[in-house]
Protein backbone atom coordinates (compact mmCIF):
# COMPACT_ATOMS: atom_id res chain seq x y z
CA MET A 1 143.70 144.86 34.15
CA SER A 2 142.45 147.54 32.11
CA GLU A 3 139.55 147.92 30.48
CA SER A 4 140.58 147.84 26.97
CA ALA A 5 140.66 143.73 27.15
CA GLU A 6 138.17 142.11 25.03
CA PRO A 7 137.57 138.65 26.41
CA SER A 8 137.11 135.62 23.61
CA PRO A 9 134.00 133.96 22.99
CA ALA A 10 134.99 130.44 23.82
CA GLU A 11 136.77 129.53 27.33
CA GLY A 12 140.24 130.89 27.86
CA SER A 13 143.46 129.37 28.68
CA VAL A 14 146.02 129.64 31.64
CA ARG A 15 150.22 128.93 31.30
CA VAL A 16 151.82 129.06 34.44
CA VAL A 17 155.33 130.15 34.69
CA GLY A 18 157.04 129.53 37.91
CA THR A 19 160.15 131.87 38.15
CA ALA A 20 162.67 132.81 40.71
CA HIS A 21 162.46 136.22 42.06
CA VAL A 22 166.12 137.05 42.11
CA SER A 23 167.20 135.16 38.78
CA ALA A 24 168.65 136.69 35.99
CA ASP A 25 167.49 133.83 33.93
CA SER A 26 163.68 133.69 35.36
CA VAL A 27 164.18 137.26 34.04
CA ALA A 28 165.18 136.21 30.40
CA GLU A 29 162.53 133.16 30.40
CA VAL A 30 159.64 135.21 31.20
CA GLU A 31 160.44 137.98 28.25
CA GLN A 32 160.86 134.97 26.05
CA VAL A 33 157.67 133.10 27.27
CA ILE A 34 155.48 136.39 26.64
CA ASP A 35 156.78 137.47 23.61
CA ASP A 36 156.29 133.84 22.07
CA GLU A 37 152.48 133.67 23.04
CA ARG A 38 151.62 137.30 23.08
CA PRO A 39 148.81 136.29 25.50
CA ASP A 40 145.76 138.38 26.26
CA VAL A 41 146.47 139.05 29.69
CA VAL A 42 149.88 138.77 31.40
CA ALA A 43 148.97 137.92 35.13
CA VAL A 44 151.67 138.50 37.81
CA GLU A 45 152.02 137.74 41.31
CA LEU A 46 151.74 140.67 43.15
CA ASP A 47 149.09 143.40 44.33
CA GLU A 48 148.45 146.72 44.05
CA GLY A 49 151.07 148.01 46.65
CA ARG A 50 154.11 145.92 45.90
CA TYR A 51 153.10 146.94 41.90
CA ARG A 52 153.67 150.58 42.63
CA GLN A 53 156.77 150.09 44.43
CA LEU A 54 158.25 148.08 41.62
CA LYS A 55 157.58 150.84 39.37
CA GLY A 56 158.88 153.72 41.15
CA GLU A 57 156.15 155.17 42.54
CA THR A 58 156.59 157.23 45.73
CA PRO A 59 154.12 155.03 48.55
CA ASP A 60 151.56 156.34 50.82
CA ASN A 61 152.34 157.58 53.77
CA LEU A 62 151.39 154.77 56.35
CA ASP A 63 148.59 154.62 58.29
CA ALA A 64 149.23 154.92 62.26
CA SER A 65 146.09 153.05 62.80
CA ASP A 66 148.39 149.95 60.55
CA LEU A 67 150.68 150.06 62.98
CA LEU A 68 149.96 151.00 66.43
CA HIS A 69 147.94 147.57 67.20
CA GLY A 70 147.97 144.16 68.39
CA ASN A 71 151.17 142.30 67.76
CA THR A 72 152.24 145.01 64.92
CA VAL A 73 155.77 145.37 66.45
CA PHE A 74 156.39 141.71 65.75
CA GLN A 75 154.83 141.24 62.76
CA PHE A 76 156.92 144.00 61.14
CA LEU A 77 160.16 142.48 62.31
CA ALA A 78 159.08 139.74 60.93
CA TYR A 79 158.69 141.55 57.21
CA TRP A 80 161.64 143.57 57.60
CA LEU A 81 163.56 140.39 58.07
CA LEU A 82 162.22 138.24 55.57
CA SER A 83 162.46 141.44 53.23
CA TYR A 84 166.18 141.75 54.15
CA ILE A 85 167.16 138.37 53.38
CA GLN A 86 165.31 138.55 50.12
CA THR A 87 167.35 141.74 49.39
CA ARG A 88 170.89 140.27 50.20
CA MET A 89 170.13 137.25 48.18
CA GLY A 90 169.45 139.97 45.26
CA GLU A 91 172.56 141.40 46.00
CA ARG A 92 174.33 137.92 45.90
CA PHE A 93 172.94 137.27 42.17
CA ASP A 94 173.45 140.92 41.58
CA ILE A 95 169.64 141.59 40.40
CA LYS A 96 166.88 143.32 42.23
CA PRO A 97 164.38 141.03 44.23
CA GLY A 98 161.19 141.06 41.83
CA ALA A 99 162.95 141.56 38.52
CA ASP A 100 161.00 138.62 37.34
CA MET A 101 157.76 140.46 38.09
CA MET A 102 158.75 143.48 36.68
CA ALA A 103 160.31 141.98 33.60
CA ALA A 104 156.88 140.38 32.84
CA VAL A 105 154.70 143.91 33.28
CA GLU A 106 157.32 145.73 30.98
CA THR A 107 157.52 143.18 28.64
CA ALA A 108 153.51 142.85 28.54
CA GLU A 109 153.09 146.74 28.47
CA SER A 110 155.76 146.78 25.36
CA LEU A 111 153.60 144.48 23.74
CA GLY A 112 150.30 146.21 24.41
CA ILE A 113 149.09 143.66 26.40
CA ASN A 114 146.95 143.88 29.58
CA VAL A 115 148.49 143.33 33.12
CA ALA A 116 146.21 141.84 35.78
CA LEU A 117 147.82 141.95 39.48
CA VAL A 118 146.23 138.72 41.10
CA ASP A 119 148.63 138.19 44.48
CA ARG A 120 146.25 139.11 47.84
CA ASP A 121 147.21 142.32 49.76
CA ILE A 122 150.75 141.61 51.54
CA GLN A 123 149.42 143.44 54.46
CA VAL A 124 146.72 140.38 54.76
CA THR A 125 149.07 138.04 54.11
CA ILE A 126 151.44 139.11 57.06
CA GLN A 127 148.50 139.33 59.67
CA ARG A 128 147.15 135.87 58.27
CA PHE A 129 150.38 134.31 58.29
CA TRP A 130 151.09 135.72 61.68
CA ALA A 131 147.84 134.83 63.38
CA ARG A 132 148.16 131.14 62.16
CA MET A 133 151.38 130.72 63.85
CA THR A 134 151.50 129.75 67.71
CA PHE A 135 153.55 131.42 70.15
CA PHE A 136 156.87 129.33 70.15
CA GLU A 137 156.56 129.51 66.54
CA LYS A 138 156.49 133.17 66.04
CA LEU A 139 159.49 132.78 68.78
CA ARG A 140 161.56 130.43 66.80
CA MET A 141 161.22 132.09 63.67
CA LEU A 142 162.23 135.70 64.96
CA TRP A 143 165.36 133.95 66.54
CA GLN A 144 166.34 131.91 63.79
CA LEU A 145 165.73 135.13 61.31
CA THR A 146 167.91 137.78 63.72
CA VAL A 147 170.72 135.08 64.09
CA GLY A 148 170.97 134.32 60.28
CA LEU A 149 171.39 138.26 59.49
CA ALA A 150 175.05 138.54 60.07
CA GLY A 151 176.07 134.57 58.45
CA PHE A 152 173.32 134.96 55.71
CA GLY A 153 175.68 136.62 53.34
CA ASP A 154 178.21 133.35 53.82
CA GLU A 155 175.42 131.08 53.57
CA ALA A 156 174.03 132.52 50.28
CA GLU A 157 177.58 132.17 48.67
CA ASP A 158 176.26 128.05 48.53
CA ILE A 159 173.01 128.54 47.15
CA ASP A 160 172.79 127.48 43.69
CA MET A 161 170.62 129.26 41.67
CA ASP A 162 169.26 126.32 39.82
CA ASP A 163 167.53 124.96 43.19
CA LEU A 164 165.38 128.08 43.80
CA THR A 165 163.43 126.70 40.39
CA ASN A 166 163.76 123.02 40.56
CA ALA A 167 160.59 121.42 41.22
CA ASP A 168 162.06 118.64 43.63
CA VAL A 169 163.84 121.19 45.82
CA VAL A 170 161.36 124.00 46.00
CA THR A 171 159.00 120.81 46.98
CA ALA A 172 161.41 119.75 49.68
CA MET A 173 161.64 123.38 50.74
CA MET A 174 158.38 124.07 51.28
CA ALA A 175 157.73 120.52 53.13
CA GLU A 176 160.42 121.94 55.75
CA PHE A 177 158.50 125.12 55.96
CA ARG A 178 155.41 123.13 56.62
CA ARG A 179 157.03 120.77 59.36
CA PHE A 180 158.11 123.99 60.84
CA SER A 181 155.14 125.92 61.17
CA PRO A 182 151.83 124.28 59.34
CA GLY A 183 149.30 127.39 60.18
CA GLY A 184 152.17 129.79 58.95
CA ALA A 185 152.48 127.98 55.82
CA GLU A 186 148.85 127.56 55.11
CA ALA A 187 148.93 131.34 55.21
CA LEU A 188 151.89 132.21 53.02
CA ILE A 189 151.42 129.55 50.84
CA ASP A 190 148.14 127.46 50.20
CA GLU A 191 145.83 130.54 50.88
CA ARG A 192 147.84 132.43 48.46
CA ASP A 193 147.58 129.91 45.65
CA ALA A 194 144.04 129.66 46.12
CA PHE A 195 143.39 133.42 45.76
CA ILE A 196 145.85 133.58 42.86
CA ALA A 197 143.70 130.65 41.26
CA HIS A 198 140.48 132.20 41.61
CA ARG A 199 141.46 134.89 40.08
CA LEU A 200 143.05 133.13 37.13
CA VAL A 201 139.79 130.90 36.83
CA ALA A 202 137.93 134.27 36.67
CA LEU A 203 140.01 135.32 33.60
CA ARG A 204 140.20 131.75 32.26
CA GLU A 205 135.76 131.71 32.51
CA GLN A 206 136.06 135.42 30.82
CA GLY A 207 137.64 133.79 27.55
CA PHE A 208 141.37 135.11 28.33
CA ASP A 209 144.44 133.31 27.11
CA VAL A 210 146.56 134.39 30.16
CA VAL A 211 150.33 133.81 31.02
CA ALA A 212 150.42 133.37 34.87
CA ILE A 213 154.22 134.70 36.49
CA VAL A 214 154.43 133.45 39.78
CA GLY A 215 157.27 132.10 42.35
CA ALA A 216 157.97 128.68 41.65
CA GLY A 217 156.58 127.54 45.07
CA HIS A 218 153.35 128.37 43.80
CA ARG A 219 153.41 126.54 40.22
CA ALA A 220 152.18 123.15 41.64
CA GLY A 221 149.45 124.42 43.87
CA ILE A 222 147.91 126.65 41.44
CA LEU A 223 147.68 124.17 38.73
CA GLY A 224 146.45 121.57 40.94
CA TYR A 225 143.50 124.59 41.02
CA LEU A 226 143.22 125.25 37.67
CA GLU A 227 143.00 121.67 36.79
CA ASN A 228 140.27 121.13 39.61
CA PRO A 229 138.35 124.30 40.38
CA ALA A 230 135.87 122.74 42.37
CA THR A 231 138.13 122.51 44.84
CA LEU A 232 138.82 126.11 45.60
CA PRO A 233 137.57 127.23 49.19
CA PRO A 234 135.53 130.24 49.11
CA MET A 235 137.63 133.30 48.00
CA GLN A 236 135.40 134.90 51.40
CA SER A 237 137.54 132.83 53.71
CA LEU A 238 140.74 133.93 51.87
CA VAL A 239 140.53 137.55 53.14
CA GLY A 240 139.79 139.69 56.19
CA VAL A 241 142.49 138.86 59.24
CA GLN A 242 141.14 136.17 61.08
CA LYS A 243 141.03 136.60 64.75
CA LYS A 244 142.71 133.57 67.37
CA ARG A 245 139.90 132.21 69.67
CA PHE A 246 142.84 132.28 72.48
CA SER A 247 145.57 134.46 72.84
CA VAL A 248 148.49 133.53 75.37
CA TYR A 249 149.53 137.26 75.73
CA LYS A 250 145.86 138.34 76.24
CA ALA A 251 145.09 135.56 78.94
CA PHE A 252 148.50 136.59 80.58
CA GLY A 253 146.83 140.66 80.62
CA TYR A 254 143.26 139.58 81.81
CA LEU A 255 144.97 137.33 84.40
CA PHE A 256 147.02 140.52 85.73
CA THR A 257 144.41 143.01 85.84
CA LEU A 258 141.82 140.53 87.86
CA GLY A 259 145.18 139.86 90.07
CA PHE A 260 145.29 143.68 90.53
CA LEU A 261 141.59 144.15 91.07
CA VAL A 262 141.53 141.09 93.55
CA PHE A 263 144.79 142.38 95.29
CA PHE A 264 143.31 146.07 96.28
CA ILE A 265 139.63 145.12 96.70
CA LEU A 266 140.90 142.48 99.34
CA LEU A 267 143.17 144.86 101.12
CA ALA A 268 140.81 147.23 101.50
CA MET A 269 137.94 144.68 102.70
CA ALA A 270 140.20 143.71 105.33
CA GLY A 271 140.48 147.38 106.21
CA ALA A 272 143.99 148.12 105.76
CA ARG A 273 145.49 151.92 106.39
CA ASN A 274 144.61 154.07 103.36
CA GLY A 275 147.64 155.40 103.54
CA PHE A 276 148.94 151.98 103.25
CA LEU A 277 146.59 151.40 100.12
CA LEU A 278 147.75 155.24 98.79
CA SER A 279 151.21 154.39 98.94
CA LEU A 280 151.32 151.23 96.77
CA PHE A 281 148.83 152.76 94.26
CA VAL A 282 151.52 155.90 94.17
CA ALA A 283 154.41 153.33 93.52
CA PHE A 284 152.49 151.75 91.06
CA PHE A 285 152.15 154.40 89.20
CA LEU A 286 155.81 155.84 89.65
CA ILE A 287 157.66 152.68 88.51
CA ASN A 288 155.66 152.52 85.75
CA GLY A 289 155.71 156.05 84.48
CA ILE A 290 159.76 156.15 84.98
CA PHE A 291 160.45 153.20 83.22
CA SER A 292 158.02 153.40 79.92
CA PHE A 293 159.10 157.24 79.89
CA THR A 294 162.89 156.15 80.41
CA LEU A 295 163.13 153.18 78.01
CA ALA A 296 160.89 155.38 75.29
CA LYS A 297 163.32 158.47 75.61
CA LEU A 298 166.44 155.67 75.34
CA ALA A 299 164.41 154.73 71.81
CA GLY A 300 164.56 158.29 70.46
CA ALA A 301 161.15 159.27 71.96
CA HIS A 302 160.15 163.29 71.86
CA TRP A 303 159.66 164.67 75.30
CA SER A 304 156.10 164.81 74.96
CA SER A 305 155.97 161.00 73.68
CA ALA A 306 157.38 159.99 76.31
CA THR A 307 156.02 161.69 79.04
CA VAL A 308 152.33 160.18 77.75
CA GLY A 309 153.63 156.89 77.40
CA GLY A 310 155.04 157.26 80.68
CA ALA A 311 151.73 158.97 82.18
CA VAL A 312 149.33 156.04 81.18
CA ALA A 313 151.52 152.98 81.79
CA TRP A 314 149.90 152.48 85.35
CA MET A 315 146.69 152.09 83.68
CA THR A 316 147.65 150.26 80.57
CA SER A 317 149.20 147.83 82.83
CA VAL A 318 145.87 146.71 83.85
CA ASN A 319 144.20 146.58 80.53
CA PRO A 320 144.99 143.70 78.39
CA LEU A 321 143.53 145.48 75.57
CA LEU A 322 145.68 148.89 75.55
CA ALA A 323 149.48 149.42 75.95
CA PRO A 324 151.16 152.40 76.46
CA GLY A 325 153.82 152.38 73.34
CA TRP A 326 150.35 153.30 71.23
CA PHE A 327 150.13 156.19 72.86
CA SER A 328 153.25 156.97 72.51
CA GLY A 329 153.77 156.28 68.95
CA TYR A 330 150.42 158.61 68.36
CA VAL A 331 152.07 161.40 69.55
CA GLU A 332 155.47 160.69 67.80
CA LEU A 333 153.83 160.82 64.80
CA ARG A 334 153.12 164.28 65.25
CA TYR A 335 156.55 164.76 64.59
CA THR A 336 157.13 162.71 61.97
CA SER A 337 155.72 160.13 59.12
CA VAL A 338 156.51 156.62 57.84
CA ASN A 339 156.88 155.30 54.78
CA ILE A 340 156.95 151.87 53.36
CA THR A 341 159.90 153.20 51.41
CA ASP A 342 161.68 153.21 55.04
CA ILE A 343 161.98 149.45 54.79
CA GLY A 344 164.43 149.76 51.61
CA LYS A 345 166.73 152.36 53.74
CA LEU A 346 166.82 149.56 56.88
CA ASN A 347 168.04 146.93 54.20
CA ASP A 348 170.87 148.99 52.81
CA ILE A 349 171.95 150.12 55.79
CA LEU A 350 172.09 146.79 57.34
CA SER A 351 174.05 145.67 53.97
CA ASP A 352 176.96 147.69 55.46
CA GLU A 353 178.99 145.95 56.66
CA ASP A 354 182.25 147.96 56.76
CA SER A 355 180.60 150.58 59.93
CA PRO A 356 180.62 149.57 63.49
CA MET A 357 178.04 148.31 65.10
CA GLY A 358 177.21 151.58 67.02
CA GLU A 359 176.86 153.79 63.80
CA LEU A 360 174.49 151.69 62.39
CA TRP A 361 172.24 151.65 64.88
CA SER A 362 172.46 155.46 64.79
CA ARG A 363 171.73 155.65 61.37
CA MET A 364 168.95 152.55 62.27
CA LYS A 365 167.32 154.81 64.42
CA ALA A 366 167.43 158.24 61.95
CA VAL A 367 164.79 155.76 59.83
CA PRO A 368 160.82 157.04 60.75
CA LEU A 369 159.33 153.65 60.40
CA PHE A 370 162.11 151.83 63.00
CA ARG A 371 162.40 154.54 65.22
CA LEU A 372 158.75 154.38 65.75
CA ILE A 373 158.50 150.86 66.17
CA LEU A 374 160.79 151.08 68.81
CA ILE A 375 159.44 153.61 70.58
CA VAL A 376 156.38 151.47 70.88
CA ALA A 377 158.07 148.16 72.24
CA MET A 378 160.54 150.17 74.51
CA THR A 379 157.41 152.05 75.89
CA ASN A 380 155.77 148.46 76.35
CA ILE A 381 158.46 146.80 77.88
CA GLY A 382 159.39 149.24 80.59
CA SER A 383 155.83 148.97 81.47
CA MET A 384 155.97 145.05 81.61
CA ILE A 385 159.27 145.26 83.89
CA ALA A 386 157.97 147.87 85.81
CA SER A 387 154.69 145.37 86.88
CA VAL A 388 157.44 142.48 87.33
CA LEU A 389 159.57 145.07 89.79
CA PHE A 390 156.44 146.04 91.86
CA ALA A 391 155.29 142.58 92.38
CA PHE A 392 158.74 141.26 93.37
CA VAL A 393 160.91 144.12 94.69
CA VAL A 394 159.06 147.05 95.63
CA LEU A 395 155.50 145.19 97.20
CA PRO A 396 157.87 143.28 99.45
CA TYR A 397 159.72 146.21 100.57
CA MET A 398 156.41 148.26 101.25
CA ALA A 399 154.66 145.47 103.50
CA ALA A 400 157.01 145.64 105.73
CA ASP A 401 154.91 148.17 107.50
CA VAL A 402 152.42 145.34 107.29
CA GLY A 403 154.36 142.26 108.85
CA GLY A 404 155.82 141.56 105.22
CA ILE A 405 154.76 139.64 102.78
CA ASP A 406 153.08 137.12 105.18
CA GLY A 407 151.45 140.20 106.41
CA VAL A 408 149.49 141.10 103.28
CA ALA A 409 148.68 137.66 102.62
CA ARG A 410 147.12 137.68 105.94
CA LEU A 411 145.30 140.80 105.10
CA MET A 412 144.03 139.29 101.80
CA VAL A 413 142.73 136.53 103.53
CA GLN A 414 140.75 138.83 106.12
CA GLY A 415 139.33 140.62 103.50
CA ALA A 416 138.24 137.36 101.08
CA GLU A 417 136.50 136.38 104.90
CA ASN A 418 135.21 139.57 105.23
CA SER A 419 133.35 139.84 101.20
CA ALA A 420 132.09 136.80 102.01
CA ASP A 421 130.42 137.83 105.24
CA LEU A 422 129.38 141.06 103.61
CA ILE A 423 127.37 138.48 100.34
CA LEU A 424 126.15 136.12 103.06
CA ARG A 425 124.22 138.58 104.63
CA GLN A 426 122.99 139.68 101.69
CA PHE A 427 120.95 136.19 101.36
CA THR A 428 119.90 135.81 105.46
């Protein structure tokens, strides 16, 4: 909000208008309400990044540190697919997504009214949304969204625009989402209700009369907090990214690391030939490197990016806190830059229903953001495949020299016994 706004001496007021983000009727309603009310402030359900995007400003290039860590690949996929569905809805109803918010901003500016951006940063919301969902909820959501891409246009024909702002229908849709993912609904809906309400309560307490333009799904929750501000959770609990105490992915990674170390240590303690141990390690290094390098190249990586990913794949396979795709991605960023507008380009490509799949795939790989995420993902997948093949194919083949898998098992048992004897001698 600009600093020119002067608060009233008494407590102000807040009127909450619920809209559909792809509705021409909502645009007309927003313009009419602001013109009739002439408030001190128009509050919109936008953060700084989405506001700049709607205004047509050139977004900053995305920071590599925001892309190359943790579950970024899956978060990006979820965000992109949700963005694509909203874009397709906008095409169905012949209106740009976010037109209601843009109408609010432009109407306020034309009347000399201050604008307040009251939504939480979209990156924080997506990260908290992803962290709150269970492993199986994530898989189910991504599967349903992916399957729905091809047929979404036909389903949109059955949508009644009035339903998108009808209180009963919106409530039913939110209830279904809560049934599907209670944690995800809390991050995507409830927390944002509280965050926006905090901002609106602050404006009201400063004496401003406010018209707040929000999605219809948030209206009831925000009104509840405005009527009883004492029920608002602390603002500190609504910001930042929460980390899970337990992660299936990390647990598997730690177990794999432990198993890898125990395997080689026990073989060494059993007195296995140095040549055999060296052969196992070289095989592990090569199979990880070859698969990671090959899949990175297929994803469109430069030679240096694929080489770096392949070279570190053996090490990252036994460290759950690292991934070879991060290394390939950082090197790849020497050749390209990625921008949030890349998501719009991907949406445009997917909206082309006439081009063959092969051509669409080539065009998607030409978009820097998609290619970068694909390189990261494929490098990691290559290392995962290699680790599984090493355990179930390469190891049994190489173990023939020591009596097969049974021979390896006997060596590990002997190694455990030798280790136990060594430890006992230290205390006797």
